[in-house]
Amino acid sequence: MMEVLKSYHDSFDLLPDEMVVYTLSFIDADTLLDCRLVCKRWQELIDAYVFQEKASRENKFVNNGKGYYSFSKIDSNNIRKLELPWYVFHVICKYDPFNRNLVKNHCGQNAFMHWSITNDHNWWTIEENPQGAPLLPDDPDFDGHTSCFVSTYRLCSKRQKIIFKNYGLNDIMMKTLQPEILVSEWYTGRFDCGCKYALRATVHDGNDKLIEQHNYSDVLPQWEANIWTKASHSFKNQSNASYLILYHSGVDTQYWAGHYGTKISGSVVKVLLPIKFKCANS
């Protein structure tokens, strides 16, 4: 039996590097980690070429042919040219974490799932289509959803915690890439009722220490509130980020009974993949 295995291994060693890379690129991302331990040649080929080859080929098929979210900002032909460590390609093949919205239930399409209500009582409601306001803008932030969260005459607030390591973005990844983190959200009010809106985004490290915070607020006057506005902010060079907490609140300014307050939808948190290409002669 050992002679058979040795003969098989020796025969595989006779294959050119290009064929070995092509063959290994069909193996799933986690098994490739084990393949790195087989021999020095495999480790060097996997680290330098296999994960890039795998990601480039699979990009044509994932997400119903739309490709990896992580590569949405570059042409498919340039994936192999990206100057990224092998473990970044591994994370992309397994989690596809970059350039995609990490906020769950971002338009209220699944009621209040994944959101933590921070008031003593849940005063929010959800409208399948905005009432007394324009429909949601034609924007990719909404992913085709039409619903929104709506506050009442009492202050309504809620939050969602996005833990980056749940998407493969552990401490090593963040320190290596130092990515930009984009936060955005849409809000409006009714045509006949003013409202207040507030957004707070906080970035924390693995010890729960606050790294950076962004606050935004707006007051929409009565008769002038029915236009959708996008609030956004970018956290730069986040090398120590472990998680982000997205918090927002709303209330109407007329104190009318019912849900006449702030409408919120299209919440987005994206970790952007830094784009840097290899030198032409490398």
Protein backbone atom coordinates (compact mmCIF):
# COMPACT_ATOMS: atom_id res chain seq x y z
CA MET A 1 0.00 0.00 0.00
CA MET A 2 2.78 2.42 0.88
CA GLU A 3 4.49 1.70 -2.43
CA VAL A 4 1.29 2.58 -4.28
CA LEU A 5 0.97 5.90 -2.44
CA LYS A 6 4.64 6.71 -3.01
CA SER A 7 4.31 5.94 -6.72
CA TYR A 8 1.20 8.13 -6.95
CA HIS A 9 2.93 10.98 -5.16
CA ASP A 10 6.02 10.72 -7.35
CA SER A 11 3.86 10.77 -10.50
CA PHE A 12 2.06 13.89 -9.32
CA ASP A 13 5.40 15.56 -8.72
CA LEU A 14 6.18 15.17 -12.41
CA LEU A 15 3.29 17.45 -13.37
CA PRO A 16 4.20 21.01 -14.35
CA ASP A 17 3.35 23.79 -11.92
CA GLU A 18 0.57 25.12 -14.16
CA MET A 19 -1.27 21.80 -14.07
CA VAL A 20 -0.86 21.42 -10.32
CA VAL A 21 -2.24 24.93 -9.77
CA TYR A 22 -5.19 24.28 -12.07
CA THR A 23 -6.01 20.96 -10.38
CA LEU A 24 -5.74 22.27 -6.83
CA SER A 25 -7.92 25.28 -7.65
CA PHE A 26 -10.96 22.98 -7.80
CA ILE A 27 -10.55 21.99 -4.14
CA ASP A 28 -12.72 23.78 -1.58
CA ALA A 29 -11.16 26.68 0.31
CA ASP A 30 -10.81 24.96 3.70
CA THR A 31 -9.32 21.75 2.28
CA LEU A 32 -6.71 23.87 0.53
CA LEU A 33 -5.48 24.89 3.97
CA ASP A 34 -4.66 21.23 4.65
CA CYS A 35 -3.09 20.89 1.21
CA ARG A 36 -0.61 23.59 2.16
CA LEU A 37 0.86 21.08 4.66
CA VAL A 38 1.53 18.33 2.09
CA CYS A 39 4.90 19.60 0.91
CA LYS A 40 6.89 22.76 0.34
CA ARG A 41 6.08 22.85 -3.39
CA TRP A 42 2.32 22.70 -2.78
CA GLN A 43 2.53 25.37 -0.11
CA GLU A 44 4.42 27.73 -2.41
CA LEU A 45 2.05 27.14 -5.32
CA ILE A 46 -1.09 27.49 -3.19
CA ASP A 47 0.15 30.68 -1.55
CA ALA A 48 1.29 32.28 -4.80
CA TYR A 49 -1.25 31.08 -7.36
CA VAL A 50 -3.93 28.55 -6.37
CA PHE A 51 -6.25 30.76 -4.31
CA GLN A 52 -6.02 33.53 -6.91
CA GLU A 53 -6.82 31.04 -9.68
CA LYS A 54 -9.72 29.59 -7.69
CA ALA A 55 -11.21 33.01 -6.93
CA SER A 56 -10.81 34.18 -10.53
CA ARG A 57 -12.51 31.13 -12.03
CA GLU A 58 -15.34 30.92 -9.49
CA ASN A 59 -16.07 34.63 -9.90
CA LYS A 60 -17.93 33.75 -13.10
CA PHE A 61 -20.42 31.54 -11.26
CA VAL A 62 -21.03 32.73 -7.68
CA ASN A 63 -24.02 34.89 -6.71
CA ASN A 64 -26.02 33.67 -9.71
CA GLY A 65 -23.30 34.72 -12.11
CA LYS A 66 -22.92 38.21 -10.69
CA GLY A 67 -19.55 37.36 -9.17
CA TYR A 68 -18.08 37.88 -5.73
CA TYR A 69 -19.18 41.07 -3.99
CA SER A 70 -15.55 41.49 -2.97
CA PHE A 71 -14.49 41.95 -6.60
CA SER A 72 -17.35 44.22 -7.62
CA LYS A 73 -15.04 47.19 -8.07
CA ILE A 74 -12.62 45.53 -10.49
CA ASP A 75 -12.78 43.70 -13.80
CA SER A 76 -12.81 39.90 -13.52
CA ASN A 77 -9.68 39.65 -15.65
CA ASN A 78 -7.73 41.61 -13.03
CA ILE A 79 -8.40 39.31 -10.08
CA ARG A 80 -5.16 37.39 -10.63
CA LYS A 81 -3.29 40.71 -10.67
CA LEU A 82 -4.38 41.76 -7.19
CA GLU A 83 -1.54 42.19 -4.72
CA LEU A 84 -3.11 40.39 -1.78
CA PRO A 85 -1.87 37.66 0.59
CA TRP A 86 -3.20 34.14 -0.06
CA TYR A 87 -5.29 34.16 3.12
CA VAL A 88 -7.27 37.16 1.85
CA PHE A 89 -8.29 35.14 -1.21
CA HIS A 90 -9.17 32.25 1.11
CA VAL A 91 -11.51 34.49 3.12
CA ILE A 92 -13.09 35.84 -0.08
CA CYS A 93 -13.72 32.33 -1.41
CA LYS A 94 -15.26 31.25 1.90
CA TYR A 95 -17.08 34.36 3.16
CA ASP A 96 -17.03 36.99 0.38
CA PRO A 97 -17.02 39.76 3.02
CA PHE A 98 -15.88 42.86 1.13
CA ASN A 99 -17.98 45.47 -0.68
CA ARG A 100 -21.22 43.83 0.49
CA ASN A 101 -23.78 44.99 3.00
CA LEU A 102 -23.15 43.38 6.38
CA VAL A 103 -26.32 44.81 7.96
CA LYS A 104 -29.00 42.14 8.28
CA ASN A 105 -32.67 43.01 7.67
CA HIS A 106 -31.61 46.46 6.51
CA CYS A 107 -35.05 47.56 5.26
CA GLY A 108 -37.29 45.89 7.83
CA GLN A 109 -38.21 43.18 5.32
CA ASN A 110 -37.97 40.62 8.15
CA ALA A 111 -39.78 42.61 10.84
CA PHE A 112 -37.28 43.45 13.63
CA MET A 113 -35.05 40.40 13.27
CA HIS A 114 -31.35 41.10 14.04
CA TRP A 115 -32.14 44.52 15.56
CA SER A 116 -32.02 45.26 19.30
CA ILE A 117 -34.67 47.71 20.47
CA THR A 118 -33.03 50.14 22.89
CA ASN A 119 -36.20 51.75 24.31
CA ASP A 120 -38.17 50.41 27.24
CA HIS A 121 -40.98 49.66 24.79
CA ASN A 122 -41.06 48.88 21.10
CA TRP A 123 -42.67 51.90 19.51
CA TRP A 124 -41.48 51.14 16.00
CA THR A 125 -43.64 49.81 13.19
CA ILE A 126 -42.88 48.68 9.65
CA GLU A 127 -44.57 49.89 6.49
CA GLU A 128 -44.45 47.60 3.46
CA ASN A 129 -44.45 50.80 1.39
CA PRO A 130 -43.79 54.27 2.86
CA GLN A 131 -47.05 55.99 3.79
CA GLY A 132 -47.37 59.74 3.22
CA ALA A 133 -43.91 59.79 1.60
CA PRO A 134 -42.31 58.84 -1.73
CA LEU A 135 -41.44 55.23 -2.46
CA LEU A 136 -37.88 54.18 -1.73
CA PRO A 137 -35.38 55.53 -4.27
CA ASP A 138 -34.15 53.31 -7.08
CA ASP A 139 -30.84 52.51 -5.43
CA PRO A 140 -28.84 49.28 -4.87
CA ASP A 141 -28.83 49.98 -1.11
CA PHE A 142 -32.38 48.62 -0.91
CA ASP A 143 -31.80 45.37 -2.86
CA GLY A 144 -35.27 45.65 -4.35
CA HIS A 145 -37.06 45.93 -1.00
CA THR A 146 -39.84 48.50 -0.55
CA SER A 147 -40.30 48.53 3.24
CA CYS A 148 -39.07 50.86 5.95
CA PHE A 149 -39.00 51.27 9.74
CA VAL A 150 -41.24 54.05 11.09
CA SER A 151 -41.09 55.80 14.47
CA THR A 152 -43.91 57.27 16.50
CA TYR A 153 -44.43 60.33 18.73
CA ARG A 154 -42.18 58.76 21.35
CA LEU A 155 -38.46 58.49 20.71
CA CYS A 156 -37.76 55.19 18.94
CA SER A 157 -34.25 53.74 18.77
CA LYS A 158 -32.57 50.46 17.90
CA ARG A 159 -29.13 49.08 17.16
CA GLN A 160 -27.29 46.30 15.37
CA LYS A 161 -23.82 44.95 16.14
CA ILE A 162 -21.68 43.80 13.20
CA ILE A 163 -18.85 41.50 14.31
CA PHE A 164 -16.23 41.40 11.57
CA LYS A 165 -14.67 38.04 12.45
CA ASN A 166 -18.04 36.41 11.69
CA TYR A 167 -17.21 37.21 8.06
CA GLY A 168 -13.62 36.01 8.23
CA LEU A 169 -12.27 39.49 8.98
CA ASN A 170 -10.19 38.64 12.03
CA ASP A 171 -7.46 40.75 13.64
CA ILE A 172 -4.79 39.61 11.18
CA MET A 173 -6.96 40.49 8.18
CA MET A 174 -7.80 43.93 9.50
CA LYS A 175 -4.19 44.75 10.43
CA THR A 176 -2.96 43.56 7.03
CA LEU A 177 -5.50 45.43 4.91
CA GLN A 178 -6.38 48.44 7.11
CA PRO A 179 -9.64 48.74 5.18
CA GLU A 180 -12.13 51.55 4.85
CA ILE A 181 -15.51 50.92 6.49
CA LEU A 182 -18.48 52.63 4.87
CA VAL A 183 -21.70 53.35 6.81
CA SER A 184 -24.85 54.79 5.26
CA GLU A 185 -28.61 54.96 5.70
CA TRP A 186 -31.70 56.58 4.16
CA TYR A 187 -34.35 58.54 6.07
CA THR A 188 -37.41 60.71 5.45
CA GLY A 189 -40.66 61.84 7.07
CA ARG A 190 -44.29 62.27 6.06
CA PHE A 191 -45.43 65.18 3.92
CA ASP A 192 -47.63 66.53 6.75
CA CYS A 193 -45.50 65.89 9.84
CA GLY A 194 -42.00 66.96 10.82
CA CYS A 195 -39.53 64.54 12.38
CA LYS A 196 -36.09 64.13 13.94
CA TYR A 197 -33.49 61.59 12.87
CA ALA A 198 -30.19 60.55 14.46
CA LEU A 199 -27.49 58.09 13.38
CA ARG A 200 -24.53 56.93 15.44
CA ALA A 201 -21.85 54.49 14.30
CA THR A 202 -19.09 53.34 16.65
CA VAL A 203 -16.05 51.20 15.84
CA HIS A 204 -14.51 49.08 18.63
CA ASP A 205 -11.43 46.91 19.02
CA GLY A 206 -11.25 43.37 20.42
CA ASN A 207 -11.09 44.74 23.99
CA ASP A 208 -14.33 46.71 23.49
CA LYS A 209 -12.40 49.97 23.42
CA LEU A 210 -13.99 52.69 21.32
CA ILE A 211 -11.75 53.49 18.35
CA GLU A 212 -13.83 55.99 16.44
CA GLN A 213 -17.36 57.39 16.50
CA HIS A 214 -19.55 59.23 14.00
CA ASN A 215 -22.72 61.14 14.89
CA TYR A 216 -25.25 62.58 12.50
CA SER A 217 -28.63 64.20 13.15
CA ASP A 218 -31.25 66.12 11.22
CA VAL A 219 -34.59 67.81 11.82
CA LEU A 220 -37.11 67.78 8.99
CA PRO A 221 -39.75 70.56 9.32
CA GLN A 222 -43.45 69.93 8.86
CA TRP A 223 -44.55 70.12 5.19
CA GLU A 224 -40.91 69.74 4.10
CA ALA A 225 -40.10 66.26 5.34
CA ASN A 226 -41.15 63.96 2.51
CA ILE A 227 -37.90 63.52 0.62
CA TRP A 228 -35.49 60.62 1.08
CA THR A 229 -32.01 61.69 2.23
CA LYS A 230 -28.90 59.53 2.52
CA ALA A 231 -26.60 59.91 5.51
CA SER A 232 -23.15 58.39 5.07
CA HIS A 233 -19.72 58.26 6.64
CA SER A 234 -16.42 56.52 5.96
CA PHE A 235 -14.07 55.22 8.64
CA LYS A 236 -10.54 55.19 7.16
CA ASN A 237 -7.62 52.83 7.85
CA GLN A 238 -9.35 50.57 10.35
CA SER A 239 -6.48 48.29 11.36
CA ASN A 240 -7.79 47.46 14.85
CA ALA A 241 -11.54 47.28 14.20
CA SER A 242 -13.22 44.23 15.69
CA TYR A 243 -16.87 45.23 15.47
CA LEU A 244 -19.16 48.14 14.64
CA ILE A 245 -22.39 49.17 16.32
CA LEU A 246 -24.98 50.92 14.16
CA TYR A 247 -27.54 52.91 16.15
CA HIS A 248 -30.37 55.09 14.89
CA SER A 249 -33.42 56.84 16.29
CA GLY A 250 -36.42 58.84 15.16
CA VAL A 251 -39.45 60.71 16.46
CA ASP A 252 -42.10 63.00 15.02
CA THR A 253 -42.10 66.68 15.98
CA GLN A 254 -45.88 67.17 16.15
CA TYR A 255 -46.48 64.47 18.77
CA TRP A 256 -49.38 62.99 16.82
CA ALA A 257 -50.77 59.68 18.03
CA GLY A 258 -49.78 56.94 15.62
CA HIS A 259 -46.73 56.33 13.45
CA TYR A 260 -46.14 59.71 11.82
CA GLY A 261 -42.45 59.96 12.64
CA THR A 262 -39.13 59.24 10.93
CA LYS A 263 -38.92 56.57 8.26
CA ILE A 264 -35.61 54.69 7.99
CA SER A 265 -34.45 52.13 5.44
CA GLY A 266 -31.46 50.92 3.43
CA SER A 267 -28.99 50.67 6.33
CA VAL A 268 -25.54 49.72 5.02
CA VAL A 269 -22.20 48.74 6.54
CA LYS A 270 -19.50 47.72 4.06
CA VAL A 271 -15.84 46.82 4.53
CA LEU A 272 -14.12 47.88 1.32
CA LEU A 273 -11.41 45.75 -0.24
CA PRO A 274 -8.25 47.83 -0.85
CA ILE A 275 -7.35 47.58 -4.53
CA LYS A 276 -3.66 47.36 -5.37
CA PHE A 277 -2.28 45.57 -8.43
CA LYS A 278 0.98 43.71 -8.77
CA CYS A 279 3.80 45.34 -10.71
CA ALA A 280 3.69 44.52 -14.39
CA ASN A 281 7.05 42.76 -14.32
CA SER A 282 6.36 40.69 -11.20
